[in-house]
C-alpha atoms as a PDB file:
ATOM      1  CA  MET A   1      31.572 156.140  60.996  1.00  0.00           C
ATOM      2  CA  TRP A   2      31.279 158.253  64.306  1.00  0.00           C
ATOM      3  CA  LYS A   3      28.260 158.148  66.125  1.00  0.00           C
ATOM      4  CA  GLU A   4      26.287 160.456  68.278  1.00  0.00           C
ATOM      5  CA  GLY A   5      27.737 160.532  71.705  1.00  0.00           C
ATOM      6  CA  GLN A   6      31.252 159.115  70.559  1.00  0.00           C
ATOM      7  CA  VAL A   7      32.977 162.484  69.757  1.00  0.00           C
ATOM      8  CA  ARG A   8      33.491 165.484  71.861  1.00  0.00           C
ATOM      9  CA  ILE A   9      31.778 168.556  70.727  1.00  0.00           C
ATOM     10  CA  PRO A  10      34.062 171.480  71.973  1.00  0.00           C
ATOM     11  CA  SER A  11      31.514 174.094  70.841  1.00  0.00           C
ATOM     12  CA  GLY A  12      28.778 172.277  72.390  1.00  0.00           C
ATOM     13  CA  CYS A  13      25.860 173.520  74.444  1.00  0.00           C
ATOM     14  CA  ALA A  14      22.687 175.368  73.111  1.00  0.00           C
ATOM     15  CA  ILE A  15      21.146 178.731  74.146  1.00  0.00           C
ATOM     16  CA  SER A  16      17.823 179.953  72.989  1.00  0.00           C
ATOM     17  CA  GLY A  17      15.664 182.957  74.305  1.00  0.00           C
ATOM     18  CA  VAL A  18      12.690 184.944  73.347  1.00  0.00           C
ATOM     19  CA  ILE A  19      11.133 188.061  74.610  1.00  0.00           C
ATOM     20  CA  SER A  20       8.006 190.320  73.739  1.00  0.00           C
ATOM     21  CA  ARG A  21       8.744 193.785  74.016  1.00  0.00           C
ATOM     22  CA  SER A  22       5.144 194.602  74.685  1.00  0.00           C
ATOM     23  CA  GLY A  23       5.175 192.018  77.418  1.00  0.00           C
ATOM     24  CA  ARG A  24       2.691 189.539  75.592  1.00  0.00           C
ATOM     25  CA  LEU A  25       2.557 186.179  77.548  1.00  0.00           C
ATOM     26  CA  MET A  26       4.169 183.323  75.720  1.00  0.00           C
ATOM     27  CA  SER A  27       3.581 179.675  76.648  1.00  0.00           C
ATOM     28  CA  GLY A  28       6.579 177.647  77.934  1.00  0.00           C
ATOM     29  CA  ASP A  29       5.845 175.189  74.984  1.00  0.00           C
ATOM     30  CA  SER A  30       7.718 177.634  72.606  1.00  0.00           C
ATOM     31  CA  ILE A  31      10.840 177.894  74.066  1.00  0.00           C
ATOM     32  CA  VAL A  32      11.093 173.964  74.835  1.00  0.00           C
ATOM     33  CA  ARG A  33      10.351 173.509  71.090  1.00  0.00           C
ATOM     34  CA  SER A  34      13.361 175.984  70.308  1.00  0.00           C
ATOM     35  CA  ILE A  35      16.017 174.213  72.257  1.00  0.00           C
ATOM     36  CA  ALA A  36      14.683 170.855  71.280  1.00  0.00           C
ATOM     37  CA  LEU A  37      15.876 171.320  67.727  1.00  0.00           C
ATOM     38  CA  MET A  38      19.456 171.569  69.051  1.00  0.00           C
ATOM     39  CA  HIS A  39      19.402 168.530  70.866  1.00  0.00           C
ATOM     40  CA  ASP A  40      22.759 167.283  69.507  1.00  0.00           C
ATOM     41  CA  ARG A  41      24.707 170.300  70.824  1.00  0.00           C
ATOM     42  CA  SER A  42      23.605 168.864  74.487  1.00  0.00           C
ATOM     43  CA  ASN A  43      24.725 165.371  75.984  1.00  0.00           C
ATOM     44  CA  GLY A  44      21.867 165.091  78.566  1.00  0.00           C
ATOM     45  CA  LEU A  45      23.898 166.374  81.557  1.00  0.00           C
ATOM     46  CA  GLY A  46      22.052 169.533  81.786  1.00  0.00           C
ATOM     47  CA  GLY A  47      18.906 171.428  80.617  1.00  0.00           C
ATOM     48  CA  GLY A  48      17.240 174.588  81.987  1.00  0.00           C
ATOM     49  CA  PHE A  49      14.932 177.336  81.525  1.00  0.00           C
ATOM     50  CA  ALA A  50      14.048 180.737  83.027  1.00  0.00           C
ATOM     51  CA  GLY A  51      10.678 182.696  82.733  1.00  0.00           C
ATOM     52  CA  TYR A  52      10.030 186.037  83.521  1.00  0.00           C
ATOM     53  CA  GLY A  53       6.302 187.239  84.541  1.00  0.00           C
ATOM     54  CA  ILE A  54       5.388 183.821  85.733  1.00  0.00           C
ATOM     55  CA  TYR A  55       3.903 184.798  89.213  1.00  0.00           C
ATOM     56  CA  PRO A  56       1.994 187.680  88.654  1.00  0.00           C
ATOM     57  CA  GLN A  57      -0.031 186.742  91.719  1.00  0.00           C
ATOM     58  CA  TYR A  58       3.142 187.123  93.768  1.00  0.00           C
ATOM     59  CA  LYS A  59       4.904 189.663  91.839  1.00  0.00           C
ATOM     60  CA  GLU A  60       6.157 191.653  94.994  1.00  0.00           C
ATOM     61  CA  TYR A  61       7.578 188.897  96.627  1.00  0.00           C
ATOM     62  CA  TYR A  62      10.925 186.847  96.174  1.00  0.00           C
ATOM     63  CA  ALA A  63      10.363 183.593  94.645  1.00  0.00           C
ATOM     64  CA  LEU A  64      12.821 181.199  96.352  1.00  0.00           C
ATOM     65  CA  HIS A  65      13.530 177.754  94.431  1.00  0.00           C
ATOM     66  CA  LEU A  66      15.577 175.489  96.219  1.00  0.00           C
ATOM     67  CA  PHE A  67      17.048 171.701  95.582  1.00  0.00           C
ATOM     68  CA  TYR A  68      17.326 169.493  98.901  1.00  0.00           C
ATOM     69  CA  ASP A  69      19.279 166.472  99.637  1.00  0.00           C
ATOM     70  CA  THR A  70      17.069 165.082 102.463  1.00  0.00           C
ATOM     71  CA  GLN A  71      13.912 165.979 104.355  1.00  0.00           C
ATOM     72  CA  GLN A  72      16.170 166.760 107.248  1.00  0.00           C
ATOM     73  CA  THR A  73      18.039 169.359 105.137  1.00  0.00           C
ATOM     74  CA  ARG A  74      14.733 170.916 103.933  1.00  0.00           C
ATOM     75  CA  THR A  75      13.847 171.047 107.808  1.00  0.00           C
ATOM     76  CA  ALA A  76      17.293 173.081 108.525  1.00  0.00           C
ATOM     77  CA  CYS A  77      16.893 175.627 105.639  1.00  0.00           C
ATOM     78  CA  GLU A  78      13.140 176.383 106.434  1.00  0.00           C
ATOM     79  CA  LYS A  79      14.227 177.501 109.898  1.00  0.00           C
ATOM     80  CA  PHE A  80      16.596 179.524 108.369  1.00  0.00           C
ATOM     81  CA  ILE A  81      14.256 180.933 106.158  1.00  0.00           C
ATOM     82  CA  ASP A  82      11.626 181.653 108.960  1.00  0.00           C
ATOM     83  CA  ARG A  83      14.145 183.421 110.694  1.00  0.00           C
ATOM     84  CA  HIS A  84      14.852 185.637 107.888  1.00  0.00           C
ATOM     85  CA  PHE A  85      11.647 186.134 105.906  1.00  0.00           C
ATOM     86  CA  ASP A  86       7.901 186.512 106.107  1.00  0.00           C
ATOM     87  CA  VAL A  87       6.870 183.474 103.932  1.00  0.00           C
ATOM     88  CA  VAL A  88       3.562 184.034 102.553  1.00  0.00           C
ATOM     89  CA  ASN A  89       3.227 180.544 100.436  1.00  0.00           C
ATOM     90  CA  LEU A  90       5.446 177.418  99.980  1.00  0.00           C
ATOM     91  CA  SER A  91       4.785 174.330  98.118  1.00  0.00           C
ATOM     92  CA  LYS A  92       6.573 171.686  95.945  1.00  0.00           C
ATOM     93  CA  ILE A  93       7.213 172.821  92.664  1.00  0.00           C
ATOM     94  CA  PRO A  94       5.090 170.833  90.402  1.00  0.00           C
ATOM     95  CA  THR A  95       6.790 168.287  88.227  1.00  0.00           C
ATOM     96  CA  ARG A  96       5.447 165.099  86.374  1.00  0.00           C
ATOM     97  CA  LYS A  97       7.517 161.525  86.524  1.00  0.00           C
ATOM     98  CA  ILE A  98       9.161 160.889  83.130  1.00  0.00           C
ATOM     99  CA  PRO A  99      11.875 157.881  82.581  1.00  0.00           C
ATOM    100  CA  GLU A 100      14.467 160.622  81.309  1.00  0.00           C
ATOM    101  CA  ILE A 101      14.732 162.391  84.773  1.00  0.00           C
ATOM    102  CA  THR A 102      15.974 160.464  87.886  1.00  0.00           C
ATOM    103  CA  ASP A 103      17.510 160.946  90.806  1.00  0.00           C
ATOM    104  CA  GLU A 104      15.659 164.396  91.298  1.00  0.00           C
ATOM    105  CA  PRO A 105      16.145 165.942  94.654  1.00  0.00           C
ATOM    106  CA  LEU A 106      13.496 167.488  96.739  1.00  0.00           C
ATOM    107  CA  ILE A 107      12.301 170.543  94.966  1.00  0.00           C
ATOM    108  CA  TRP A 108      10.518 173.424  96.688  1.00  0.00           C
ATOM    109  CA  ARG A 109       9.427 177.014  96.264  1.00  0.00           C
ATOM    110  CA  TYR A 110       8.681 179.871  98.597  1.00  0.00           C
ATOM    111  CA  PHE A 111       7.356 183.102  98.229  1.00  0.00           C
ATOM    112  CA  VAL A 112       8.869 185.685 100.598  1.00  0.00           C
ATOM    113  CA  ARG A 113       9.878 188.994 101.863  1.00  0.00           C
ATOM    114  CA  PRO A 114      12.699 190.036 104.346  1.00  0.00           C
ATOM    115  CA  LEU A 115      11.474 190.304 107.819  1.00  0.00           C
ATOM    116  CA  PRO A 116      11.352 193.925 108.556  1.00  0.00           C
ATOM    117  CA  THR A 117      13.200 193.907 111.758  1.00  0.00           C
ATOM    118  CA  ARG A 118      15.758 191.677 110.597  1.00  0.00           C
ATOM    119  CA  LEU A 119      16.307 193.867 107.532  1.00  0.00           C
ATOM    120  CA  LYS A 120      16.578 196.989 109.646  1.00  0.00           C
ATOM    121  CA  ASP A 121      19.134 195.383 111.778  1.00  0.00           C
ATOM    122  CA  SER A 122      21.195 194.284 108.974  1.00  0.00           C
ATOM    123  CA  GLN A 123      21.421 198.002 107.803  1.00  0.00           C
ATOM    124  CA  LEU A 124      21.493 196.664 104.115  1.00  0.00           C
ATOM    125  CA  GLY A 125      19.238 197.397 101.217  1.00  0.00           C
ATOM    126  CA  GLU A 126      16.585 194.784 100.530  1.00  0.00           C
ATOM    127  CA  GLU A 127      18.162 193.071  97.507  1.00  0.00           C
ATOM    128  CA  GLU A 128      21.698 192.976  99.120  1.00  0.00           C
ATOM    129  CA  TYR A 129      19.901 191.289 102.160  1.00  0.00           C
ATOM    130  CA  VAL A 130      18.319 188.392  99.740  1.00  0.00           C
ATOM    131  CA  VAL A 131      21.641 187.927  97.981  1.00  0.00           C
ATOM    132  CA  ARG A 132      23.445 187.531 101.591  1.00  0.00           C
ATOM    133  CA  CYS A 133      20.733 185.000 102.457  1.00  0.00           C
ATOM    134  CA  VAL A 134      21.038 183.166  99.505  1.00  0.00           C
ATOM    135  CA  LEU A 135      24.796 182.978  99.386  1.00  0.00           C
ATOM    136  CA  ARG A 136      24.560 181.843 103.246  1.00  0.00           C
ATOM    137  CA  VAL A 137      22.095 178.801 102.445  1.00  0.00           C
ATOM    138  CA  ASN A 138      24.461 177.358  99.315  1.00  0.00           C
ATOM    139  CA  ARG A 139      27.698 177.842 101.194  1.00  0.00           C
ATOM    140  CA  GLU A 140      26.282 176.783 104.893  1.00  0.00           C
ATOM    141  CA  ILE A 141      23.533 174.506 104.710  1.00  0.00           C
ATOM    142  CA  GLU A 142      24.876 171.218 103.300  1.00  0.00           C
ATOM    143  CA  GLY A 143      22.541 169.467 100.624  1.00  0.00           C
ATOM    144  CA  ALA A 144      20.391 172.990 100.264  1.00  0.00           C
ATOM    145  CA  TYR A 145      20.723 175.246  97.056  1.00  0.00           C
ATOM    146  CA  VAL A 146      18.878 177.979  96.379  1.00  0.00           C
ATOM    147  CA  PHE A 147      18.780 177.993  92.284  1.00  0.00           C
ATOM    148  CA  SER A 148      16.562 180.951  91.818  1.00  0.00           C
ATOM    149  CA  SER A 149      15.455 183.822  94.033  1.00  0.00           C
ATOM    150  CA  GLY A 150      14.088 187.015  91.745  1.00  0.00           C
ATOM    151  CA  LYS A 151      10.629 188.398  91.774  1.00  0.00           C
ATOM    152  CA  ASN A 152       8.031 187.181  89.369  1.00  0.00           C
ATOM    153  CA  MET A 153      10.549 185.036  87.694  1.00  0.00           C
ATOM    154  CA  GLY A 154      11.805 181.536  88.127  1.00  0.00           C
ATOM    155  CA  VAL A 155      14.382 179.011  87.015  1.00  0.00           C
ATOM    156  CA  PHE A 156      13.743 175.329  86.335  1.00  0.00           C
ATOM    157  CA  LYS A 157      16.584 173.186  85.588  1.00  0.00           C
ATOM    158  CA  ALA A 158      17.915 169.351  85.980  1.00  0.00           C
ATOM    159  CA  VAL A 159      20.196 166.709  84.919  1.00  0.00           C
ATOM    160  CA  GLY A 160      18.640 165.686  81.459  1.00  0.00           C
ATOM    161  CA  TYR A 161      18.186 166.809  78.009  1.00  0.00           C
ATOM    162  CA  PRO A 162      16.603 170.452  78.024  1.00  0.00           C
ATOM    163  CA  GLU A 163      13.329 169.037  76.074  1.00  0.00           C
ATOM    164  CA  ASP A 164      12.824 166.590  78.994  1.00  0.00           C
ATOM    165  CA  VAL A 165      13.560 168.726  81.379  1.00  0.00           C
ATOM    166  CA  GLY A 166      10.678 171.059  80.021  1.00  0.00           C
ATOM    167  CA  ARG A 167       8.112 168.209  80.361  1.00  0.00           C
ATOM    168  CA  PHE A 168       9.564 167.317  83.722  1.00  0.00           C
ATOM    169  CA  TYR A 169       8.598 170.860  84.850  1.00  0.00           C
ATOM    170  CA  ARG A 170       5.450 171.063  83.109  1.00  0.00           C
ATOM    171  CA  LEU A 171       6.524 174.286  81.303  1.00  0.00           C
ATOM    172  CA  GLU A 172       3.212 174.379  79.133  1.00  0.00           C
ATOM    173  CA  GLU A 173       1.570 175.287  82.383  1.00  0.00           C
ATOM    174  CA  TYR A 174       3.612 178.496  82.573  1.00  0.00           C
ATOM    175  CA  ASP A 175       3.083 181.993  80.472  1.00  0.00           C
ATOM    176  CA  ALA A 176       6.150 184.225  80.502  1.00  0.00           C
ATOM    177  CA  THR A 177       7.180 187.555  78.853  1.00  0.00           C
ATOM    178  CA  CYS A 178      10.667 186.474  78.411  1.00  0.00           C
ATOM    179  CA  TRP A 179      12.307 182.954  78.301  1.00  0.00           C
ATOM    180  CA  THR A 180      15.737 181.572  78.175  1.00  0.00           C
ATOM    181  CA  ALA A 181      16.709 177.724  77.655  1.00  0.00           C
ATOM    182  CA  HIS A 182      20.006 175.978  77.754  1.00  0.00           C
ATOM    183  CA  GLY A 183      20.957 172.642  76.945  1.00  0.00           C
ATOM    184  CA  ARG A 184      24.517 171.449  78.617  1.00  0.00           C
ATOM    185  CA  TYR A 185      27.627 169.836  77.227  1.00  0.00           C
ATOM    186  CA  PRO A 186      29.983 169.848  80.202  1.00  0.00           C
ATOM    187  CA  THR A 187      33.580 169.672  79.272  1.00  0.00           C
ATOM    188  CA  ASN A 188      35.411 170.487  82.252  1.00  0.00           C
ATOM    189  CA  THR A 189      32.851 170.648  85.363  1.00  0.00           C
ATOM    190  CA  PRO A 190      30.416 167.792  86.251  1.00  0.00           C
ATOM    191  CA  GLY A 191      26.987 167.274  85.280  1.00  0.00           C
ATOM    192  CA  TRP A 192      24.737 167.878  88.350  1.00  0.00           C
ATOM    193  CA  TRP A 193      21.352 169.419  89.277  1.00  0.00           C
ATOM    194  CA  GLY A 194      22.853 172.478  90.721  1.00  0.00           C
ATOM    195  CA  GLY A 195      25.286 172.811  87.720  1.00  0.00           C
ATOM    196  CA  ALA A 196      22.833 173.032  85.233  1.00  0.00           C
ATOM    197  CA  HIS A 197      21.909 176.479  83.831  1.00  0.00           C
ATOM    198  CA  PRO A 198      20.544 178.979  84.128  1.00  0.00           C
ATOM    199  CA  PHE A 199      22.432 180.401  86.804  1.00  0.00           C
ATOM    200  CA  ALA A 200      20.472 183.122  88.805  1.00  0.00           C
ATOM    201  CA  MET A 201      20.772 185.930  91.562  1.00  0.00           C
ATOM    202  CA  LEU A 202      17.893 188.021  92.244  1.00  0.00           C
ATOM    203  CA  ASP A 203      16.111 188.691  89.006  1.00  0.00           C
ATOM    204  CA  TYR A 204      19.492 188.011  86.901  1.00  0.00           C
ATOM    205  CA  SER A 205      19.626 184.795  85.015  1.00  0.00           C
ATOM    206  CA  VAL A 206      22.496 183.630  82.730  1.00  0.00           C
ATOM    207  CA  VAL A 207      22.903 180.777  80.191  1.00  0.00           C
ATOM    208  CA  HIS A 208      26.191 180.391  78.573  1.00  0.00           C
ATOM    209  CA  ASN A 209      27.700 178.520  75.866  1.00  0.00           C
ATOM    210  CA  GLY A 210      31.483 178.341  76.083  1.00  0.00           C
ATOM    211  CA  GLU A 211      34.779 177.969  78.454  1.00  0.00           C
ATOM    212  CA  ILE A 212      35.763 180.279  80.794  1.00  0.00           C
ATOM    213  CA  SER A 213      39.624 180.314  80.816  1.00  0.00           C
ATOM    214  CA  SER A 214      39.656 183.283  83.304  1.00  0.00           C
ATOM    215  CA  TYR A 215      37.425 181.327  85.842  1.00  0.00           C
ATOM    216  CA  ASP A 216      40.066 181.402  88.669  1.00  0.00           C
ATOM    217  CA  ALA A 217      41.208 185.179  88.140  1.00  0.00           C
ATOM    218  CA  ASN A 218      37.314 185.862  87.906  1.00  0.00           C
ATOM    219  CA  ARG A 219      36.332 183.825  91.129  1.00  0.00           C
ATOM    220  CA  ARG A 220      39.056 185.312  93.294  1.00  0.00           C
ATOM    221  CA  ALA A 221      38.103 188.778  92.229  1.00  0.00           C
ATOM    222  CA  ILE A 222      34.262 188.581  93.002  1.00  0.00           C
ATOM    223  CA  GLU A 223      35.163 186.580  96.274  1.00  0.00           C
ATOM    224  CA  MET A 224      36.617 189.688  97.595  1.00  0.00           C
ATOM    225  CA  TYR A 225      33.117 191.550  96.891  1.00  0.00           C
ATOM    226  CA  GLY A 226      31.523 189.003  99.401  1.00  0.00           C
ATOM    227  CA  TYR A 227      30.524 186.223  96.729  1.00  0.00           C
ATOM    228  CA  THR A 228      31.270 182.682  97.410  1.00  0.00           C
ATOM    229  CA  CYS A 229      31.493 180.311  94.334  1.00  0.00           C
ATOM    230  CA  THR A 230      30.231 176.966  95.210  1.00  0.00           C
ATOM    231  CA  LEU A 231      28.564 175.149  92.203  1.00  0.00           C
ATOM    232  CA  GLN A 232      31.692 173.589  90.529  1.00  0.00           C
ATOM    233  CA  THR A 233      31.081 175.510  87.058  1.00  0.00           C
ATOM    234  CA  ASP A 234      32.292 178.518  85.390  1.00  0.00           C
ATOM    235  CA  THR A 235      28.877 180.224  84.557  1.00  0.00           C
ATOM    236  CA  GLU A 236      28.079 180.791  88.573  1.00  0.00           C
ATOM    237  CA  VAL A 237      30.988 183.307  88.196  1.00  0.00           C
ATOM    238  CA  ILE A 238      29.417 185.188  85.393  1.00  0.00           C
ATOM    239  CA  THR A 239      26.059 185.353  87.162  1.00  0.00           C
ATOM    240  CA  TYR A 240      27.806 187.125  90.080  1.00  0.00           C
ATOM    241  CA  LEU A 241      29.966 189.426  87.904  1.00  0.00           C
ATOM    242  CA  VAL A 242      26.708 190.400  86.333  1.00  0.00           C
ATOM    243  CA  ASP A 243      24.959 191.178  89.631  1.00  0.00           C
ATOM    244  CA  TYR A 244      28.015 193.237  90.985  1.00  0.00           C
ATOM    245  CA  LEU A 245      28.699 195.274  87.838  1.00  0.00           C
ATOM    246  CA  HIS A 246      24.911 195.852  86.959  1.00  0.00           C
ATOM    247  CA  ARG A 247      23.266 196.002  90.356  1.00  0.00           C
ATOM    248  CA  ARG A 248      25.891 197.003  92.894  1.00  0.00           C
ATOM    249  CA  GLN A 249      28.322 199.296  90.573  1.00  0.00           C
ATOM    250  CA  GLY A 250      25.158 200.687  88.612  1.00  0.00           C
ATOM    251  CA  LEU A 251      27.081 200.064  85.300  1.00  0.00           C
ATOM    252  CA  THR A 252      24.976 200.201  82.078  1.00  0.00           C
ATOM    253  CA  TRP A 253      24.633 196.936  79.852  1.00  0.00           C
ATOM    254  CA  GLU A 254      27.159 198.646  77.379  1.00  0.00           C
ATOM    255  CA  GLU A 255      29.577 199.144  80.067  1.00  0.00           C
ATOM    256  CA  VAL A 256      29.130 195.704  81.440  1.00  0.00           C
ATOM    257  CA  ALA A 257      30.041 194.307  78.237  1.00  0.00           C
ATOM    258  CA  GLN A 258      33.170 196.905  77.920  1.00  0.00           C
ATOM    259  CA  VAL A 259      34.187 195.142  80.986  1.00  0.00           C
ATOM    260  CA  THR A 260      33.638 191.354  80.474  1.00  0.00           C
ATOM    261  CA  ALA A 261      34.028 191.381  76.787  1.00  0.00           C
ATOM    262  CA  ALA A 262      36.572 194.428  76.475  1.00  0.00           C
ATOM    263  CA  PRO A 263      37.864 195.818  73.112  1.00  0.00           C
ATOM    264  CA  PHE A 264      41.549 194.858  72.608  1.00  0.00           C
ATOM    265  CA  TRP A 265      43.898 197.676  73.771  1.00  0.00           C
ATOM    266  CA  SER A 266      44.983 198.130  70.083  1.00  0.00           C
ATOM    267  CA  ALA A 267      41.642 199.197  69.234  1.00  0.00           C
ATOM    268  CA  ILE A 268      41.208 201.660  72.029  1.00  0.00           C
ATOM    269  CA  ASP A 269      44.196 203.501  71.219  1.00  0.00           C
ATOM    270  CA  GLN A 270      42.542 204.269  68.057  1.00  0.00           C
ATOM    271  CA  MET A 271      39.455 205.629  69.539  1.00  0.00           C
ATOM    272  CA  PRO A 272      38.234 209.166  70.154  1.00  0.00           C
ATOM    273  CA  PRO A 273      40.065 210.691  73.014  1.00  0.00           C
ATOM    274  CA  ALA A 274      36.830 210.946  75.344  1.00  0.00           C
ATOM    275  CA  GLN A 275      35.729 206.913  74.603  1.00  0.00           C
ATOM    276  CA  ARG A 276      39.468 205.812  75.013  1.00  0.00           C
ATOM    277  CA  VAL A 277      39.542 207.478  78.403  1.00  0.00           C
ATOM    278  CA  GLN A 278      36.257 205.809  79.081  1.00  0.00           C
ATOM    279  CA  LEU A 279      37.413 202.461  78.110  1.00  0.00           C
ATOM    280  CA  CYS A 280      40.783 202.823  79.776  1.00  0.00           C
ATOM    281  CA  TYR A 281      39.090 203.415  83.186  1.00  0.00           C
ATOM    282  CA  LEU A 282      36.821 200.277  82.682  1.00  0.00           C
ATOM    283  CA  ARG A 283      39.743 198.220  81.690  1.00  0.00           C
ATOM    284  CA  ASN A 284      41.705 199.193  84.635  1.00  0.00           C
ATOM    285  CA  ARG A 285      39.364 199.496  87.208  1.00  0.00           C
ATOM    286  CA  PHE A 286      37.555 196.052  86.649  1.00  0.00           C
ATOM    287  CA  SER A 287      40.446 194.451  84.976  1.00  0.00           C
ATOM    288  CA  SER A 288      40.179 190.986  87.139  1.00  0.00           C
ATOM    289  CA  LEU A 289      36.319 190.981  85.742  1.00  0.00           C
ATOM    290  CA  LEU A 290      37.322 190.318  82.186  1.00  0.00           C
ATOM    291  CA  ILE A 291      36.274 187.242  80.709  1.00  0.00           C
ATOM    292  CA  THR A 292      38.466 185.307  78.382  1.00  0.00           C
ATOM    293  CA  GLY A 293      37.441 182.367  76.497  1.00  0.00           C
ATOM    294  CA  PRO A 294      34.860 181.422  73.969  1.00  0.00           C
ATOM    295  CA  PHE A 295      31.284 182.441  74.878  1.00  0.00           C
ATOM    296  CA  SER A 296      27.980 183.427  74.237  1.00  0.00           C
ATOM    297  CA  LEU A 297      25.660 184.591  76.782  1.00  0.00           C
ATOM    298  CA  LEU A 298      21.741 185.413  77.181  1.00  0.00           C
ATOM    299  CA  ILE A 299      21.180 187.374  80.363  1.00  0.00           C
ATOM    300  CA  GLY A 300      17.650 187.685  81.488  1.00  0.00           C
ATOM    301  CA  TYR A 301      16.647 190.472  83.999  1.00  0.00           C
ATOM    302  CA  ARG A 302      13.588 192.287  85.084  1.00  0.00           C
ATOM    303  CA  ASP A 303      13.507 195.019  82.356  1.00  0.00           C
ATOM    304  CA  GLY A 304      14.506 192.693  79.456  1.00  0.00           C
ATOM    305  CA  LEU A 305      17.106 190.426  77.925  1.00  0.00           C
ATOM    306  CA  VAL A 306      20.943 191.005  77.005  1.00  0.00           C
ATOM    307  CA  ALA A 307      22.878 188.666  74.388  1.00  0.00           C
ATOM    308  CA  LEU A 308      26.597 188.999  74.351  1.00  0.00           C
ATOM    309  CA  ASN A 309      29.241 187.102  72.625  1.00  0.00           C
ATOM    310  CA  ASP A 310      33.291 187.187  73.114  1.00  0.00           C
ATOM    311  CA  ARG A 311      35.195 189.732  71.112  1.00  0.00           C
ATOM    312  CA  LEU A 312      36.319 187.508  68.675  1.00  0.00           C
ATOM    313  CA  LYS A 313      32.748 185.766  68.216  1.00  0.00           C
ATOM    314  CA  LEU A 314      34.056 181.978  68.842  1.00  0.00           C
ATOM    315  CA  ARG A 315      30.693 180.776  69.957  1.00  0.00           C
ATOM    316  CA  SER A 316      27.763 181.172  67.559  1.00  0.00           C
ATOM    317  CA  LEU A 317      24.911 183.560  68.138  1.00  0.00           C
ATOM    318  CA  VAL A 318      21.906 184.472  65.998  1.00  0.00           C
ATOM    319  CA  ALA A 319      18.982 187.167  66.444  1.00  0.00           C
ATOM    320  CA  ALA A 320      15.782 187.941  64.800  1.00  0.00           C
ATOM    321  CA  GLU A 321      12.852 189.837  64.861  1.00  0.00           C
ATOM    322  CA  LYS A 322       9.057 189.203  64.261  1.00  0.00           C
ATOM    323  CA  GLY A 323       6.841 192.476  65.189  1.00  0.00           C
ATOM    324  CA  ASP A 324       7.249 193.074  68.809  1.00  0.00           C
ATOM    325  CA  THR A 325       9.117 189.804  69.572  1.00  0.00           C
ATOM    326  CA  VAL A 326      13.014 189.301  69.540  1.00  0.00           C
ATOM    327  CA  TYR A 327      14.581 185.711  69.192  1.00  0.00           C
ATOM    328  CA  LEU A 328      18.096 184.572  69.878  1.00  0.00           C
ATOM    329  CA  ALA A 329      19.684 181.261  69.996  1.00  0.00           C
ATOM    330  CA  SER A 330      22.820 179.605  69.036  1.00  0.00           C
ATOM    331  CA  GLU A 331      21.563 178.399  65.601  1.00  0.00           C
ATOM    332  CA  GLU A 332      19.167 179.911  63.138  1.00  0.00           C
ATOM    333  CA  CYS A 333      17.012 176.523  63.026  1.00  0.00           C
ATOM    334  CA  ALA A 334      16.089 176.888  66.470  1.00  0.00           C
ATOM    335  CA  ILE A 335      14.610 180.527  65.939  1.00  0.00           C
ATOM    336  CA  ARG A 336      12.671 179.155  62.723  1.00  0.00           C
ATOM    337  CA  ALA A 337      11.278 176.323  64.742  1.00  0.00           C
ATOM    338  CA  ILE A 338       9.149 178.880  66.551  1.00  0.00           C
ATOM    339  CA  GLU A 339       9.109 181.631  64.108  1.00  0.00           C
ATOM    340  CA  PRO A 340       9.541 180.429  60.384  1.00  0.00           C
ATOM    341  CA  ASP A 341       9.026 183.861  58.690  1.00  0.00           C
ATOM    342  CA  PRO A 342      10.722 186.494  60.849  1.00  0.00           C
ATOM    343  CA  ASP A 343      11.142 190.142  59.626  1.00  0.00           C
ATOM    344  CA  SER A 344      14.813 190.165  60.196  1.00  0.00           C
ATOM    345  CA  ILE A 345      17.534 187.864  61.055  1.00  0.00           C
ATOM    346  CA  TRP A 346      21.169 188.654  61.659  1.00  0.00           C
ATOM    347  CA  SER A 347      24.453 187.824  63.596  1.00  0.00           C
ATOM    348  CA  PRO A 348      25.706 190.066  66.497  1.00  0.00           C
ATOM    349  CA  GLN A 349      28.793 191.504  66.533  1.00  0.00           C
ATOM    350  CA  GLY A 350      31.571 190.195  69.056  1.00  0.00           C
ATOM    351  CA  GLY A 351      31.616 192.198  72.145  1.00  0.00           C
ATOM    352  CA  GLU A 352      28.500 194.385  71.077  1.00  0.00           C
ATOM    353  CA  PRO A 353      25.452 193.589  73.453  1.00  0.00           C
ATOM    354  CA  VAL A 354      21.951 193.207  71.866  1.00  0.00           C
ATOM    355  CA  HIS A 355      19.888 194.937  74.598  1.00  0.00           C
ATOM    356  CA  ILE A 356      16.255 194.341  74.128  1.00  0.00           C
ATOM    357  CA  THR A 357      13.753 196.078  76.887  1.00  0.00           C
ATOM    358  CA  TYR A 358      10.007 196.149  77.422  1.00  0.00           C
ATOM    359  CA  ASP A 359       8.118 198.903  75.990  1.00  0.00           C
ATOM    360  CA  ARG A 360       6.728 200.643  79.210  1.00  0.00           C
ATOM    361  CA  SER A 361       4.811 203.264  77.414  1.00  0.00           C
ATOM    362  CA  ASN A 362       1.241 201.501  77.451  1.00  0.00           C
END
């Protein structure tokens, strides 16, 4: 008889997410319970969470979360941060010692704004300035890694099972309007603190179940636009694709899906002329950003949450609603663990994004 841990699970990795359309705050306890139910889809080599609305007192500042290998690295990185940003608060990220999480790096956070003179001299927009600073730290300061850089949101990740990562970071002390979670089962890349999910850039965060066979083509393409992939996993490139397509190119989420999980040419040929022209343009204009391979994604951002499957739906994804709250997960049981009686439950179509936004009318 096979025992747990003795067989490779090619469809492994677990993702889960929850969002309140009304912006109701939800404790981190709930997302930890959801992802914990899919324990056997992970192997202890990575777990993590992203929460939105968790820093209301600093909502106008970028929250930089960093891993440091050594105190010397921290000193060097803080000099870089001080040269480029106005730092209004800095501290260690609160954690608790537990036996399941070991070899932790130094984990710090900084609430910052770009220095006005530096920003003006750069001739960049504020968000692009922050992106370039983050990429410089990750590329040039050995032993330092910015793993979260958005406003009023934060990523918390580590090497370990996700439920242990949640306890380690004391997620029960945070309240968020949207949570995403990941349990990792790496197959082709190493399990290390920087390689755990979510991956984030500005307020975009990505959790991903699958294997991206187009990684090299996607990486070469995105690096032509100023990004640098240094973190030894395919999900990093997905995060940069999202930032490039949605923020820099201004594509809608439907158009982002039509690039990354594009319809087959045979299907495009059968579409009405106007739609066919649009899809042909996107496929040709962004051909190197097509993601191939099985995947399911949850993408958090400042205005909501997006879920997306590959076109053939080779990775599982389930959605449900209860009142104003939407739930998404790799398995239905992970949703019912925190909402046992949803109003509706369904399986999203491959290649068709599920896009949930906050109700800003109130």
